[in-house]
Amino acid sequence: MSQMLVLEIPDEVYKILTDLAQQEGKTPEEMGAQWIATTVERIQNDPLERFIGALPSDIPDWADRHDEYLGEALMKQMQGQNEGGASDA
């Protein structure tokens, strides 16, 4: 079973959506539905979800942006290891 959802999006977002959909051989509607489904699945299967609220933190938006913060930390760690071949540890 499926449902129909009508969205109003900015022109610049629609342009990107149509360009990417064309590259994939899909319609903008198919691409948009795929993006939404993928995002919902990622949120539902978030391995850190069970830890939200379990640890004290001075970062108020950690629950919403943890993937971003972890990605930034990993990028910094990788850059530190690649600079001069030595680790920051």
C-alpha atoms as a PDB file:
ATOM      1  CA  MET A   1       0.000   0.000   0.000  1.00  0.00           C
ATOM      2  CA  SER A   2       1.213   3.517  -0.707  1.00  0.00           C
ATOM      3  CA  GLN A   3       0.036   7.064  -0.120  1.00  0.00           C
ATOM      4  CA  MET A   4       0.224  10.195  -2.239  1.00  0.00           C
ATOM      5  CA  LEU A   5       2.027  13.203  -0.798  1.00  0.00           C
ATOM      6  CA  VAL A   6       2.017  16.596  -2.502  1.00  0.00           C
ATOM      7  CA  LEU A   7       4.930  18.898  -1.644  1.00  0.00           C
ATOM      8  CA  GLU A   8       5.741  22.472  -2.504  1.00  0.00           C
ATOM      9  CA  ILE A   9       9.500  22.943  -2.798  1.00  0.00           C
ATOM     10  CA  PRO A  10      11.670  25.883  -3.870  1.00  0.00           C
ATOM     11  CA  ASP A  11      12.546  26.137  -7.556  1.00  0.00           C
ATOM     12  CA  GLU A  12      16.270  25.636  -6.909  1.00  0.00           C
ATOM     13  CA  VAL A  13      15.588  22.388  -5.025  1.00  0.00           C
ATOM     14  CA  TYR A  14      13.294  21.171  -7.803  1.00  0.00           C
ATOM     15  CA  LYS A  15      15.957  21.959 -10.405  1.00  0.00           C
ATOM     16  CA  ILE A  16      18.520  19.855  -8.539  1.00  0.00           C
ATOM     17  CA  LEU A  17      15.966  17.082  -8.093  1.00  0.00           C
ATOM     18  CA  THR A  18      15.099  16.998 -11.798  1.00  0.00           C
ATOM     19  CA  ASP A  19      18.768  17.085 -12.846  1.00  0.00           C
ATOM     20  CA  LEU A  20      19.647  14.175 -10.553  1.00  0.00           C
ATOM     21  CA  ALA A  21      16.532  12.253 -11.528  1.00  0.00           C
ATOM     22  CA  GLN A  22      17.403  12.616 -15.207  1.00  0.00           C
ATOM     23  CA  GLN A  23      20.920  11.287 -14.521  1.00  0.00           C
ATOM     24  CA  GLU A  24      19.387   8.247 -12.814  1.00  0.00           C
ATOM     25  CA  GLY A  25      16.762   7.731 -15.523  1.00  0.00           C
ATOM     26  CA  LYS A  26      13.930   8.470 -13.090  1.00  0.00           C
ATOM     27  CA  THR A  27      11.205  11.047 -12.774  1.00  0.00           C
ATOM     28  CA  PRO A  28      11.561  13.803 -10.165  1.00  0.00           C
ATOM     29  CA  GLU A  29       8.664  12.188  -8.303  1.00  0.00           C
ATOM     30  CA  GLU A  30      10.437   8.820  -8.183  1.00  0.00           C
ATOM     31  CA  MET A  31      13.675  10.428  -7.032  1.00  0.00           C
ATOM     32  CA  GLY A  32      11.911  12.497  -4.362  1.00  0.00           C
ATOM     33  CA  ALA A  33      10.045   9.450  -3.055  1.00  0.00           C
ATOM     34  CA  GLN A  34      13.320   7.498  -2.946  1.00  0.00           C
ATOM     35  CA  TRP A  35      15.046  10.293  -0.986  1.00  0.00           C
ATOM     36  CA  ILE A  36      12.217  10.457   1.539  1.00  0.00           C
ATOM     37  CA  ALA A  37      12.136   6.669   1.964  1.00  0.00           C
ATOM     38  CA  THR A  38      15.922   6.523   2.405  1.00  0.00           C
ATOM     39  CA  THR A  39      15.883   9.337   4.967  1.00  0.00           C
ATOM     40  CA  VAL A  40      13.057   7.754   6.964  1.00  0.00           C
ATOM     41  CA  GLU A  41      14.850   4.386   6.942  1.00  0.00           C
ATOM     42  CA  ARG A  42      18.092   6.020   8.120  1.00  0.00           C
ATOM     43  CA  ILE A  43      16.260   7.742  10.965  1.00  0.00           C
ATOM     44  CA  GLN A  44      14.441   4.561  11.980  1.00  0.00           C
ATOM     45  CA  ASN A  45      17.643   2.506  11.930  1.00  0.00           C
ATOM     46  CA  ASP A  46      19.893   5.040  13.668  1.00  0.00           C
ATOM     47  CA  PRO A  47      22.262   2.990  15.852  1.00  0.00           C
ATOM     48  CA  LEU A  48      22.709   5.893  18.276  1.00  0.00           C
ATOM     49  CA  GLU A  49      18.995   6.478  18.840  1.00  0.00           C
ATOM     50  CA  ARG A  50      18.946   4.355  21.998  1.00  0.00           C
ATOM     51  CA  PHE A  51      21.628   6.548  23.577  1.00  0.00           C
ATOM     52  CA  ILE A  52      19.823   9.845  23.043  1.00  0.00           C
ATOM     53  CA  GLY A  53      19.180  11.343  26.461  1.00  0.00           C
ATOM     54  CA  ALA A  54      21.228   8.680  28.239  1.00  0.00           C
ATOM     55  CA  LEU A  55      24.360  10.784  28.643  1.00  0.00           C
ATOM     56  CA  PRO A  56      24.744  14.330  29.944  1.00  0.00           C
ATOM     57  CA  SER A  57      26.017  16.771  27.324  1.00  0.00           C
ATOM     58  CA  ASP A  58      26.720  20.474  26.965  1.00  0.00           C
ATOM     59  CA  ILE A  59      25.753  20.223  23.281  1.00  0.00           C
ATOM     60  CA  PRO A  60      22.000  20.985  23.097  1.00  0.00           C
ATOM     61  CA  ASP A  61      21.466  19.753  19.522  1.00  0.00           C
ATOM     62  CA  TRP A  62      23.511  16.557  19.801  1.00  0.00           C
ATOM     63  CA  ALA A  63      20.432  14.356  19.411  1.00  0.00           C
ATOM     64  CA  ASP A  64      19.547  15.971  16.078  1.00  0.00           C
ATOM     65  CA  ARG A  65      23.064  16.485  14.708  1.00  0.00           C
ATOM     66  CA  HIS A  66      25.077  13.554  16.110  1.00  0.00           C
ATOM     67  CA  ASP A  67      25.851  12.149  12.654  1.00  0.00           C
ATOM     68  CA  GLU A  68      27.264  15.515  11.618  1.00  0.00           C
ATOM     69  CA  TYR A  69      29.346  15.866  14.797  1.00  0.00           C
ATOM     70  CA  LEU A  70      30.701  12.325  14.534  1.00  0.00           C
ATOM     71  CA  GLY A  71      31.531  12.880  10.862  1.00  0.00           C
ATOM     72  CA  GLU A  72      33.403  16.088  11.688  1.00  0.00           C
ATOM     73  CA  ALA A  73      35.358  14.344  14.445  1.00  0.00           C
ATOM     74  CA  LEU A  74      36.239  11.467  12.118  1.00  0.00           C
ATOM     75  CA  MET A  75      37.321  13.894   9.388  1.00  0.00           C
ATOM     76  CA  LYS A  76      39.561  15.766  11.836  1.00  0.00           C
ATOM     77  CA  GLN A  77      41.046  12.495  13.036  1.00  0.00           C
ATOM     78  CA  MET A  78      41.698  11.311   9.480  1.00  0.00           C
ATOM     79  CA  GLN A  79      43.268  14.634   8.502  1.00  0.00           C
ATOM     80  CA  GLY A  80      45.501  14.529  11.572  1.00  0.00           C
ATOM     81  CA  GLN A  81      46.692  11.039  10.698  1.00  0.00           C
ATOM     82  CA  ASN A  82      47.341  11.983   7.071  1.00  0.00           C
ATOM     83  CA  GLU A  83      49.313  15.147   7.818  1.00  0.00           C
ATOM     84  CA  GLY A  84      52.947  14.102   7.998  1.00  0.00           C
ATOM     85  CA  GLY A  85      51.977  10.467   8.441  1.00  0.00           C
ATOM     86  CA  ALA A  86      51.674  10.745  12.231  1.00  0.00           C
ATOM     87  CA  SER A  87      48.635  10.370  14.409  1.00  0.00           C
ATOM     88  CA  ASP A  88      47.395  13.087  16.783  1.00  0.00           C
ATOM     89  CA  ALA A  89      46.925  10.480  19.505  1.00  0.00           C
END
